[in-house]
C-alpha atoms as a PDB file:
ATOM      1  CA  UNK A   1     104.471  90.821  87.915  1.00  0.00           C
ATOM      2  CA  UNK A   2     102.545  91.854  84.644  1.00  0.00           C
ATOM      3  CA  UNK A   3     104.416  94.057  82.231  1.00  0.00           C
ATOM      4  CA  UNK A   4     101.380  96.532  82.418  1.00  0.00           C
ATOM      5  CA  UNK A   5     102.818  97.472  86.244  1.00  0.00           C
ATOM      6  CA  UNK A   6     106.298  98.843  84.987  1.00  0.00           C
ATOM      7  CA  UNK A   7     106.553 102.893  84.979  1.00  0.00           C
ATOM      8  CA  UNK A   8     107.444 103.085  81.086  1.00  0.00           C
ATOM      9  CA  UNK A   9     106.103  99.468  79.998  1.00  0.00           C
ATOM     10  CA  UNK A  10     108.234  97.588  77.118  1.00  0.00           C
ATOM     11  CA  UNK A  11     108.144  96.878  73.493  1.00  0.00           C
ATOM     12  CA  UNK A  12     105.965  98.454  70.650  1.00  0.00           C
ATOM     13  CA  UNK A  13     103.584 100.360  73.437  1.00  0.00           C
ATOM     14  CA  UNK A  14     106.848 101.673  75.557  1.00  0.00           C
ATOM     15  CA  UNK A  15     106.073 105.263  76.637  1.00  0.00           C
ATOM     16  CA  UNK A  16     107.164 107.932  74.192  1.00  0.00           C
ATOM     17  CA  UNK A  17     108.122 110.152  77.109  1.00  0.00           C
ATOM     18  CA  UNK A  18     110.605 107.694  78.606  1.00  0.00           C
ATOM     19  CA  UNK A  19     113.954 109.290  77.557  1.00  0.00           C
ATOM     20  CA  UNK A  20     112.665 112.845  78.636  1.00  0.00           C
ATOM     21  CA  UNK A  21     111.766 111.451  81.991  1.00  0.00           C
ATOM     22  CA  UNK A  22     114.983 109.945  82.552  1.00  0.00           C
ATOM     23  CA  UNK A  23     116.623 112.999  81.269  1.00  0.00           C
ATOM     24  CA  UNK A  24     114.656 115.334  83.609  1.00  0.00           C
ATOM     25  CA  UNK A  25     115.488 112.730  86.458  1.00  0.00           C
ATOM     26  CA  UNK A  26     119.270 113.264  85.851  1.00  0.00           C
ATOM     27  CA  UNK A  27     118.631 116.987  85.763  1.00  0.00           C
ATOM     28  CA  UNK A  28     117.028 117.182  88.737  1.00  0.00           C
ATOM     29  CA  UNK A  29     119.579 114.854  90.762  1.00  0.00           C
ATOM     30  CA  UNK A  30     122.648 116.939  89.612  1.00  0.00           C
ATOM     31  CA  UNK A  31     120.953 120.113  90.315  1.00  0.00           C
ATOM     32  CA  UNK A  32     120.047 118.876  93.871  1.00  0.00           C
ATOM     33  CA  UNK A  33     124.067 117.767  94.277  1.00  0.00           C
ATOM     34  CA  UNK A  34     125.293 121.034  92.803  1.00  0.00           C
ATOM     35  CA  UNK A  35     123.049 123.515  94.917  1.00  0.00           C
ATOM     36  CA  UNK A  36     122.731 121.543  98.281  1.00  0.00           C
ATOM     37  CA  UNK A  37     125.017 119.762 100.726  1.00  0.00           C
ATOM     38  CA  UNK A  38     123.623 116.673 101.635  1.00  0.00           C
ATOM     39  CA  UNK A  39     124.454 115.064 105.010  1.00  0.00           C
ATOM     40  CA  UNK A  40     123.219 112.388 107.339  1.00  0.00           C
ATOM     41  CA  UNK A  41     121.673 114.495 110.414  1.00  0.00           C
ATOM     42  CA  UNK A  42     123.357 113.947 113.786  1.00  0.00           C
ATOM     43  CA  UNK A  43     122.323 110.928 115.722  1.00  0.00           C
ATOM     44  CA  UNK A  44     120.072 109.162 112.998  1.00  0.00           C
ATOM     45  CA  UNK A  45     122.703 106.797 111.062  1.00  0.00           C
ATOM     46  CA  UNK A  46     120.449 104.425 108.895  1.00  0.00           C
ATOM     47  CA  UNK A  47     120.205 100.749 110.175  1.00  0.00           C
ATOM     48  CA  UNK A  48     120.763  99.097 106.579  1.00  0.00           C
ATOM     49  CA  UNK A  49     119.535  95.836 105.579  1.00  0.00           C
ATOM     50  CA  UNK A  50     120.680  94.315 102.657  1.00  0.00           C
ATOM     51  CA  UNK A  51     118.624  94.082  99.751  1.00  0.00           C
ATOM     52  CA  UNK A  52     119.202  91.540  96.434  1.00  0.00           C
ATOM     53  CA  UNK A  53     122.629  90.845  97.652  1.00  0.00           C
ATOM     54  CA  UNK A  54     124.277  93.912  95.990  1.00  0.00           C
ATOM     55  CA  UNK A  55     122.180  96.825  97.646  1.00  0.00           C
ATOM     56  CA  UNK A  56     121.360  98.185 100.997  1.00  0.00           C
ATOM     57  CA  UNK A  57     117.626  99.678 102.343  1.00  0.00           C
ATOM     58  CA  UNK A  58     117.272 101.196 105.865  1.00  0.00           C
ATOM     59  CA  UNK A  59     114.956  98.900 107.944  1.00  0.00           C
ATOM     60  CA  UNK A  60     112.180 101.320 108.381  1.00  0.00           C
ATOM     61  CA  UNK A  61     112.098 102.317 104.757  1.00  0.00           C
ATOM     62  CA  UNK A  62     113.289 105.999 104.951  1.00  0.00           C
ATOM     63  CA  UNK A  63     116.477 107.905 103.991  1.00  0.00           C
ATOM     64  CA  UNK A  64     117.003 110.831 106.294  1.00  0.00           C
ATOM     65  CA  UNK A  65     119.026 113.636 104.494  1.00  0.00           C
ATOM     66  CA  UNK A  66     119.663 116.996 105.732  1.00  0.00           C
ATOM     67  CA  UNK A  67     120.307 119.722 102.893  1.00  0.00           C
ATOM     68  CA  UNK A  68     122.007 122.885 103.504  1.00  0.00           C
ATOM     69  CA  UNK A  69     122.163 125.166 100.707  1.00  0.00           C
ATOM     70  CA  UNK A  70     125.644 125.705  99.407  1.00  0.00           C
ATOM     71  CA  UNK A  71     126.852 129.346  99.735  1.00  0.00           C
ATOM     72  CA  UNK A  72     128.792 129.822  96.681  1.00  0.00           C
END
């Protein structure tokens, strides 16, 4: 795969906003986890397949998650 296909590129022509984008992603994910209770819907267990010998992914390619707003 060509390096130009990577999201942030590499080397001297790397994206200047890469660190900001990663920080925003971490902030978004931590906010979602803090504000919502994430569970797997009843009867919707994911049928997982091994990927790269150390990760799993659903066979149909989708994670089904139920998000309930936390009542603090």
